[in-house]
Amino acid sequence: MLQLHSLLETLQMQTSRDRSGHFALYNCLILGHTKYKGVQRIYCDPFPKKKFYGANRMDLVFVRPPGVQPGGFVLTPDSVWYCRVLLLFSMSALTDNGSKSYDCALVSTLETYATSESGNYCNYCNYCNYLCRL
């Protein structure tokens, strides 16, 4: 518990137009590419009173699992984690080298339970949450 308390003490307050807090929440992540035109949007609106076009949208994505060495990743259906985006947020923390900003996504992983031949691909697993740094 002491380690968690020490970690939380490093977080800095962030201010927005209306309020301030330790985390800044977002409902959309825009992804672009250096070679190709256009962007892709990932939406996440998990709060019941804040709907996006009448729904609480939480998009499905795939991410590279942690621990893969740079340059060692090969994209295949079995080499990625399939996830539902639960929360998009940013935070600032004091480090040994000063203040550092982090853009993050909290995701819930999906577990494979059948083969593609049967038409069943993934099963929602709400206990496998993972924090990704964007």
N, C-alpha and C. Protein backbone atom coordinates (compact mmCIF):
# COMPACT_ATOMS: atom_id res chain seq x y z
N MET A 1 0.82 -1.19 0.00
CA MET A 1 0.00 0.00 0.00
C MET A 1 0.87 1.25 0.00
N LEU A 2 2.01 1.20 0.66
CA LEU A 2 2.92 2.33 0.73
C LEU A 2 3.47 2.68 -0.64
N GLN A 3 3.76 1.65 -1.47
CA GLN A 3 4.26 1.90 -2.82
C GLN A 3 3.22 2.60 -3.68
N LEU A 4 1.96 2.19 -3.56
CA LEU A 4 0.89 2.81 -4.32
C LEU A 4 0.72 4.27 -3.90
N HIS A 5 0.77 4.52 -2.62
CA HIS A 5 0.66 5.89 -2.11
C HIS A 5 1.82 6.75 -2.63
N SER A 6 3.02 6.22 -2.62
CA SER A 6 4.19 6.95 -3.12
C SER A 6 4.05 7.24 -4.61
N LEU A 7 3.53 6.27 -5.36
CA LEU A 7 3.33 6.47 -6.79
C LEU A 7 2.29 7.55 -7.05
N LEU A 8 1.19 7.52 -6.34
CA LEU A 8 0.13 8.52 -6.53
C LEU A 8 0.59 9.93 -6.16
N GLU A 9 1.53 10.04 -5.24
CA GLU A 9 2.05 11.35 -4.87
C GLU A 9 2.85 12.00 -5.98
N THR A 10 3.33 11.23 -6.96
CA THR A 10 4.10 11.80 -8.07
C THR A 10 3.20 12.44 -9.13
N LEU A 11 1.90 12.15 -9.11
CA LEU A 11 0.99 12.70 -10.12
C LEU A 11 0.80 14.20 -9.91
N GLN A 12 0.77 14.93 -11.02
CA GLN A 12 0.59 16.37 -10.98
C GLN A 12 -0.83 16.73 -11.40
N MET A 13 -1.31 17.85 -10.90
CA MET A 13 -2.65 18.33 -11.27
C MET A 13 -2.61 18.85 -12.70
N GLN A 14 -3.69 18.58 -13.45
CA GLN A 14 -3.88 19.10 -14.80
C GLN A 14 -5.13 19.96 -14.80
N THR A 15 -5.13 21.01 -15.56
CA THR A 15 -6.31 21.88 -15.62
C THR A 15 -6.90 21.86 -17.02
N SER A 16 -8.20 21.97 -17.07
CA SER A 16 -8.92 22.11 -18.33
C SER A 16 -9.73 23.40 -18.26
N ARG A 17 -10.58 23.60 -19.23
CA ARG A 17 -11.39 24.81 -19.25
C ARG A 17 -12.33 24.91 -18.05
N ASP A 18 -12.87 23.78 -17.60
CA ASP A 18 -13.89 23.79 -16.55
C ASP A 18 -13.41 23.34 -15.18
N ARG A 19 -12.36 22.52 -15.11
CA ARG A 19 -11.97 21.95 -13.82
C ARG A 19 -10.52 21.51 -13.83
N SER A 20 -10.07 20.95 -12.70
CA SER A 20 -8.71 20.41 -12.63
C SER A 20 -8.75 19.06 -11.93
N GLY A 21 -7.74 18.24 -12.18
CA GLY A 21 -7.64 16.92 -11.58
C GLY A 21 -6.35 16.25 -11.98
N HIS A 22 -6.14 15.04 -11.51
CA HIS A 22 -4.91 14.33 -11.82
C HIS A 22 -4.93 13.68 -13.21
N PHE A 23 -6.11 13.42 -13.73
CA PHE A 23 -6.24 12.77 -15.03
C PHE A 23 -7.09 13.62 -15.95
N ALA A 24 -6.70 13.68 -17.23
CA ALA A 24 -7.51 14.32 -18.26
C ALA A 24 -8.12 13.20 -19.10
N LEU A 25 -9.45 13.17 -19.22
CA LEU A 25 -10.15 12.11 -19.94
C LEU A 25 -10.48 12.56 -21.35
N TYR A 26 -10.45 11.62 -22.29
CA TYR A 26 -10.75 11.89 -23.69
C TYR A 26 -11.73 10.84 -24.19
N ASN A 27 -12.49 11.19 -25.23
CA ASN A 27 -13.41 10.20 -25.78
C ASN A 27 -12.99 9.73 -27.17
N CYS A 28 -11.89 10.29 -27.71
CA CYS A 28 -11.48 9.90 -29.06
C CYS A 28 -9.96 9.93 -29.18
N LEU A 29 -9.42 8.90 -29.79
CA LEU A 29 -8.00 8.83 -30.12
C LEU A 29 -7.91 8.81 -31.63
N ILE A 30 -7.14 9.73 -32.19
CA ILE A 30 -6.98 9.82 -33.64
C ILE A 30 -5.60 9.28 -34.01
N LEU A 31 -5.58 8.28 -34.87
CA LEU A 31 -4.34 7.66 -35.33
C LEU A 31 -4.09 8.03 -36.78
N GLY A 32 -2.87 8.41 -37.08
CA GLY A 32 -2.49 8.70 -38.45
C GLY A 32 -1.29 7.86 -38.85
N HIS A 33 -0.81 8.05 -40.04
CA HIS A 33 0.34 7.32 -40.54
C HIS A 33 1.26 8.30 -41.26
N THR A 34 2.56 8.07 -41.16
CA THR A 34 3.51 8.98 -41.80
C THR A 34 3.54 8.81 -43.32
N LYS A 35 3.18 7.64 -43.83
CA LYS A 35 3.23 7.39 -45.28
C LYS A 35 1.88 7.55 -45.97
N TYR A 36 0.78 7.27 -45.27
CA TYR A 36 -0.52 7.19 -45.91
C TYR A 36 -1.44 8.30 -45.42
N LYS A 37 -2.30 8.77 -46.30
CA LYS A 37 -3.26 9.82 -45.95
C LYS A 37 -4.40 9.25 -45.12
N GLY A 38 -5.10 10.16 -44.43
CA GLY A 38 -6.27 9.77 -43.66
C GLY A 38 -5.93 9.42 -42.22
N VAL A 39 -6.98 9.32 -41.42
CA VAL A 39 -6.83 8.99 -40.01
C VAL A 39 -7.86 7.94 -39.62
N GLN A 40 -7.62 7.31 -38.52
CA GLN A 40 -8.54 6.35 -37.93
C GLN A 40 -8.90 6.85 -36.55
N ARG A 41 -10.15 6.73 -36.15
CA ARG A 41 -10.59 7.19 -34.85
C ARG A 41 -11.04 6.02 -33.98
N ILE A 42 -10.61 6.06 -32.72
CA ILE A 42 -11.04 5.08 -31.73
C ILE A 42 -11.81 5.84 -30.67
N TYR A 43 -13.06 5.43 -30.43
CA TYR A 43 -13.92 6.13 -29.48
C TYR A 43 -14.10 5.33 -28.20
N CYS A 44 -14.24 6.06 -27.11
CA CYS A 44 -14.48 5.45 -25.81
C CYS A 44 -15.30 6.42 -24.97
N ASP A 45 -16.54 6.08 -24.70
CA ASP A 45 -17.45 6.89 -23.88
C ASP A 45 -18.07 6.00 -22.81
N PRO A 46 -17.32 5.70 -21.73
CA PRO A 46 -17.79 4.72 -20.75
C PRO A 46 -18.77 5.24 -19.71
N PHE A 47 -18.97 6.54 -19.63
CA PHE A 47 -19.78 7.10 -18.55
C PHE A 47 -21.25 7.18 -18.95
N PRO A 48 -22.15 6.61 -18.14
CA PRO A 48 -23.57 6.52 -18.52
C PRO A 48 -24.22 7.86 -18.84
N LYS A 49 -23.84 8.93 -18.16
CA LYS A 49 -24.48 10.23 -18.40
C LYS A 49 -23.86 10.99 -19.56
N LYS A 50 -22.75 10.53 -20.09
CA LYS A 50 -22.08 11.20 -21.22
C LYS A 50 -22.11 10.25 -22.41
N LYS A 51 -23.14 10.37 -23.21
CA LYS A 51 -23.30 9.49 -24.35
C LYS A 51 -22.77 10.15 -25.62
N PHE A 52 -22.34 9.33 -26.57
CA PHE A 52 -21.87 9.79 -27.87
C PHE A 52 -22.88 9.32 -28.90
N TYR A 53 -23.64 10.25 -29.46
CA TYR A 53 -24.73 9.93 -30.37
C TYR A 53 -25.68 8.88 -29.78
N GLY A 54 -25.99 9.04 -28.50
CA GLY A 54 -26.98 8.20 -27.83
C GLY A 54 -26.48 6.86 -27.32
N ALA A 55 -25.18 6.61 -27.38
CA ALA A 55 -24.66 5.31 -26.93
C ALA A 55 -23.37 5.51 -26.13
N ASN A 56 -23.06 4.53 -25.32
CA ASN A 56 -21.79 4.49 -24.60
C ASN A 56 -20.84 3.59 -25.39
N ARG A 57 -20.25 4.17 -26.40
CA ARG A 57 -19.40 3.43 -27.33
C ARG A 57 -18.03 3.14 -26.71
N MET A 58 -17.57 1.90 -26.82
CA MET A 58 -16.23 1.48 -26.41
C MET A 58 -15.71 0.56 -27.51
N ASP A 59 -14.88 1.12 -28.40
CA ASP A 59 -14.44 0.41 -29.60
C ASP A 59 -13.52 -0.77 -29.28
N LEU A 60 -13.49 -1.70 -30.23
CA LEU A 60 -12.59 -2.84 -30.17
C LEU A 60 -11.32 -2.52 -30.96
N VAL A 61 -10.17 -2.91 -30.42
CA VAL A 61 -8.88 -2.66 -31.05
C VAL A 61 -8.00 -3.89 -30.87
N PHE A 62 -6.84 -3.89 -31.54
CA PHE A 62 -5.83 -4.88 -31.20
C PHE A 62 -4.54 -4.14 -30.91
N VAL A 63 -3.77 -4.68 -29.96
CA VAL A 63 -2.52 -4.05 -29.54
C VAL A 63 -1.41 -5.08 -29.54
N ARG A 64 -0.19 -4.58 -29.68
CA ARG A 64 0.99 -5.44 -29.57
C ARG A 64 1.19 -5.77 -28.09
N PRO A 65 1.35 -7.04 -27.72
CA PRO A 65 1.55 -7.39 -26.32
C PRO A 65 2.85 -6.81 -25.77
N PRO A 66 2.92 -6.59 -24.46
CA PRO A 66 4.16 -6.08 -23.88
C PRO A 66 5.27 -7.12 -23.95
N GLY A 67 6.51 -6.65 -23.91
CA GLY A 67 7.64 -7.56 -23.89
C GLY A 67 8.19 -7.93 -25.25
N VAL A 68 7.56 -7.45 -26.34
CA VAL A 68 8.06 -7.74 -27.68
C VAL A 68 9.17 -6.73 -27.99
N GLN A 69 10.31 -7.22 -28.40
CA GLN A 69 11.45 -6.36 -28.69
C GLN A 69 11.17 -5.51 -29.94
N PRO A 70 11.64 -4.24 -29.96
CA PRO A 70 11.48 -3.41 -31.16
C PRO A 70 12.11 -4.10 -32.37
N GLY A 71 11.37 -4.11 -33.46
CA GLY A 71 11.85 -4.76 -34.68
C GLY A 71 11.58 -6.26 -34.70
N GLY A 72 11.14 -6.84 -33.59
CA GLY A 72 10.89 -8.27 -33.54
C GLY A 72 9.44 -8.64 -33.67
N PHE A 73 8.56 -7.66 -33.93
CA PHE A 73 7.12 -7.91 -33.99
C PHE A 73 6.70 -8.21 -35.41
N VAL A 74 5.97 -9.30 -35.61
CA VAL A 74 5.39 -9.65 -36.90
C VAL A 74 3.88 -9.72 -36.70
N LEU A 75 3.14 -8.93 -37.47
CA LEU A 75 1.69 -8.85 -37.33
C LEU A 75 1.02 -10.09 -37.92
N THR A 76 0.39 -10.88 -37.05
CA THR A 76 -0.42 -12.03 -37.45
C THR A 76 -1.64 -12.05 -36.53
N PRO A 77 -2.69 -12.77 -36.88
CA PRO A 77 -3.87 -12.83 -36.00
C PRO A 77 -3.56 -13.37 -34.60
N ASP A 78 -2.51 -14.18 -34.47
CA ASP A 78 -2.17 -14.77 -33.17
C ASP A 78 -1.14 -13.97 -32.39
N SER A 79 -0.56 -12.92 -32.98
CA SER A 79 0.52 -12.19 -32.30
C SER A 79 0.04 -10.90 -31.63
N VAL A 80 -1.25 -10.63 -31.63
CA VAL A 80 -1.78 -9.40 -31.03
C VAL A 80 -2.79 -9.74 -29.94
N TRP A 81 -3.05 -8.77 -29.08
CA TRP A 81 -4.12 -8.88 -28.09
C TRP A 81 -5.34 -8.15 -28.64
N TYR A 82 -6.49 -8.78 -28.59
CA TYR A 82 -7.75 -8.14 -28.98
C TYR A 82 -8.37 -7.53 -27.73
N CYS A 83 -8.76 -6.27 -27.80
CA CYS A 83 -9.16 -5.53 -26.60
C CYS A 83 -10.37 -4.63 -26.86
N ARG A 84 -11.04 -4.28 -25.78
CA ARG A 84 -12.08 -3.25 -25.78
C ARG A 84 -11.51 -2.06 -25.01
N VAL A 85 -11.61 -0.86 -25.59
CA VAL A 85 -11.08 0.34 -24.94
C VAL A 85 -12.06 0.78 -23.86
N LEU A 86 -11.59 0.81 -22.61
CA LEU A 86 -12.43 1.19 -21.47
C LEU A 86 -12.29 2.66 -21.09
N LEU A 87 -11.10 3.23 -21.29
CA LEU A 87 -10.86 4.61 -20.87
C LEU A 87 -9.63 5.16 -21.60
N LEU A 88 -9.74 6.38 -22.12
CA LEU A 88 -8.62 7.10 -22.72
C LEU A 88 -8.31 8.28 -21.82
N PHE A 89 -7.05 8.42 -21.40
CA PHE A 89 -6.72 9.50 -20.48
C PHE A 89 -5.24 9.87 -20.59
N SER A 90 -4.90 11.03 -20.02
CA SER A 90 -3.51 11.45 -19.92
C SER A 90 -3.24 11.87 -18.49
N MET A 91 -1.96 11.84 -18.13
CA MET A 91 -1.55 12.25 -16.79
C MET A 91 -0.12 12.75 -16.87
N SER A 92 0.29 13.52 -15.86
CA SER A 92 1.66 13.99 -15.73
C SER A 92 2.19 13.54 -14.39
N ALA A 93 3.43 13.09 -14.37
CA ALA A 93 4.04 12.61 -13.13
C ALA A 93 5.45 13.17 -13.01
N LEU A 94 5.86 13.37 -11.78
CA LEU A 94 7.24 13.79 -11.51
C LEU A 94 8.12 12.55 -11.54
N THR A 95 9.19 12.61 -12.32
CA THR A 95 10.16 11.52 -12.38
C THR A 95 11.50 12.04 -11.87
N ASP A 96 12.50 11.20 -11.87
CA ASP A 96 13.84 11.62 -11.45
C ASP A 96 14.40 12.70 -12.37
N ASN A 97 13.90 12.76 -13.61
CA ASN A 97 14.37 13.74 -14.60
C ASN A 97 13.42 14.91 -14.77
N GLY A 98 12.46 15.09 -13.90
CA GLY A 98 11.49 16.17 -14.00
C GLY A 98 10.10 15.65 -14.36
N SER A 99 9.26 16.54 -14.83
CA SER A 99 7.88 16.19 -15.16
C SER A 99 7.81 15.47 -16.50
N LYS A 100 6.96 14.43 -16.58
CA LYS A 100 6.76 13.69 -17.82
C LYS A 100 5.29 13.45 -18.04
N SER A 101 4.84 13.62 -19.26
CA SER A 101 3.43 13.43 -19.61
C SER A 101 3.24 12.04 -20.22
N TYR A 102 2.11 11.41 -19.88
CA TYR A 102 1.79 10.07 -20.37
C TYR A 102 0.39 10.08 -20.98
N ASP A 103 0.25 9.55 -22.20
CA ASP A 103 -1.05 9.33 -22.83
C ASP A 103 -1.33 7.83 -22.71
N CYS A 104 -2.49 7.47 -22.16
CA CYS A 104 -2.75 6.07 -21.82
C CYS A 104 -4.14 5.62 -22.27
N ALA A 105 -4.28 4.31 -22.36
CA ALA A 105 -5.57 3.68 -22.62
C ALA A 105 -5.71 2.50 -21.66
N LEU A 106 -6.83 2.41 -20.99
CA LEU A 106 -7.16 1.24 -20.19
C LEU A 106 -8.00 0.34 -21.07
N VAL A 107 -7.55 -0.90 -21.26
CA VAL A 107 -8.27 -1.83 -22.13
C VAL A 107 -8.60 -3.10 -21.37
N SER A 108 -9.61 -3.80 -21.85
CA SER A 108 -9.96 -5.12 -21.33
C SER A 108 -9.69 -6.11 -22.45
N THR A 109 -8.88 -7.11 -22.15
CA THR A 109 -8.50 -8.06 -23.20
C THR A 109 -9.62 -9.04 -23.49
N LEU A 110 -9.60 -9.56 -24.71
CA LEU A 110 -10.54 -10.58 -25.15
C LEU A 110 -9.78 -11.89 -25.27
N GLU A 111 -10.37 -12.95 -24.78
CA GLU A 111 -9.72 -14.25 -24.80
C GLU A 111 -10.30 -15.12 -25.91
N THR A 112 -9.43 -15.74 -26.70
CA THR A 112 -9.88 -16.64 -27.75
C THR A 112 -10.44 -17.92 -27.13
N TYR A 113 -11.59 -18.36 -27.62
CA TYR A 113 -12.17 -19.59 -27.07
C TYR A 113 -12.56 -20.60 -28.12
N ALA A 114 -12.41 -20.28 -29.39
CA ALA A 114 -12.76 -21.24 -30.43
C ALA A 114 -11.95 -20.91 -31.69
N THR A 115 -12.02 -21.77 -32.66
CA THR A 115 -11.28 -21.57 -33.90
C THR A 115 -12.09 -20.74 -34.88
N SER A 116 -11.42 -20.20 -35.87
CA SER A 116 -12.12 -19.38 -36.87
C SER A 116 -13.05 -20.20 -37.75
N GLU A 117 -12.82 -21.50 -37.84
CA GLU A 117 -13.69 -22.36 -38.65
C GLU A 117 -15.11 -22.42 -38.09
N SER A 118 -15.25 -22.32 -36.78
CA SER A 118 -16.57 -22.39 -36.17
C SER A 118 -17.31 -21.06 -36.22
N GLY A 119 -16.61 -19.99 -36.58
CA GLY A 119 -17.24 -18.67 -36.64
C GLY A 119 -17.17 -17.92 -35.32
N ASN A 120 -16.71 -18.56 -34.25
CA ASN A 120 -16.57 -17.91 -32.95
C ASN A 120 -15.12 -17.51 -32.77
N TYR A 121 -14.87 -16.22 -32.59
CA TYR A 121 -13.49 -15.75 -32.51
C TYR A 121 -13.05 -15.40 -31.10
N CYS A 122 -13.83 -14.55 -30.43
CA CYS A 122 -13.37 -14.04 -29.14
C CYS A 122 -14.48 -14.05 -28.11
N ASN A 123 -14.10 -14.11 -26.86
CA ASN A 123 -15.03 -14.08 -25.74
C ASN A 123 -14.63 -12.91 -24.85
N TYR A 124 -15.56 -12.04 -24.49
CA TYR A 124 -15.26 -10.88 -23.66
C TYR A 124 -14.83 -11.33 -22.26
N CYS A 125 -13.73 -10.80 -21.80
CA CYS A 125 -13.17 -11.19 -20.51
C CYS A 125 -13.02 -9.93 -19.67
N ASN A 126 -13.96 -9.65 -18.77
CA ASN A 126 -13.97 -8.37 -18.06
C ASN A 126 -13.03 -8.33 -16.86
N TYR A 127 -12.27 -9.38 -16.58
CA TYR A 127 -11.36 -9.34 -15.45
C TYR A 127 -9.91 -9.18 -15.88
N CYS A 128 -9.63 -9.07 -17.17
CA CYS A 128 -8.26 -8.95 -17.67
C CYS A 128 -8.01 -7.52 -18.16
N ASN A 129 -7.94 -6.57 -17.25
CA ASN A 129 -7.70 -5.19 -17.65
C ASN A 129 -6.22 -4.93 -17.75
N TYR A 130 -5.83 -4.08 -18.69
CA TYR A 130 -4.44 -3.80 -18.94
C TYR A 130 -4.30 -2.32 -19.30
N LEU A 131 -3.27 -1.70 -18.82
CA LEU A 131 -3.03 -0.28 -19.08
C LEU A 131 -1.97 -0.16 -20.16
N CYS A 132 -2.31 0.48 -21.27
CA CYS A 132 -1.39 0.67 -22.39
C CYS A 132 -0.94 2.13 -22.45
N ARG A 133 0.33 2.33 -22.63
CA ARG A 133 0.82 3.69 -22.84
C ARG A 133 0.83 3.96 -24.32
N LEU A 134 0.15 5.02 -24.76
CA LEU A 134 0.02 5.33 -26.19
C LEU A 134 1.23 6.06 -26.70
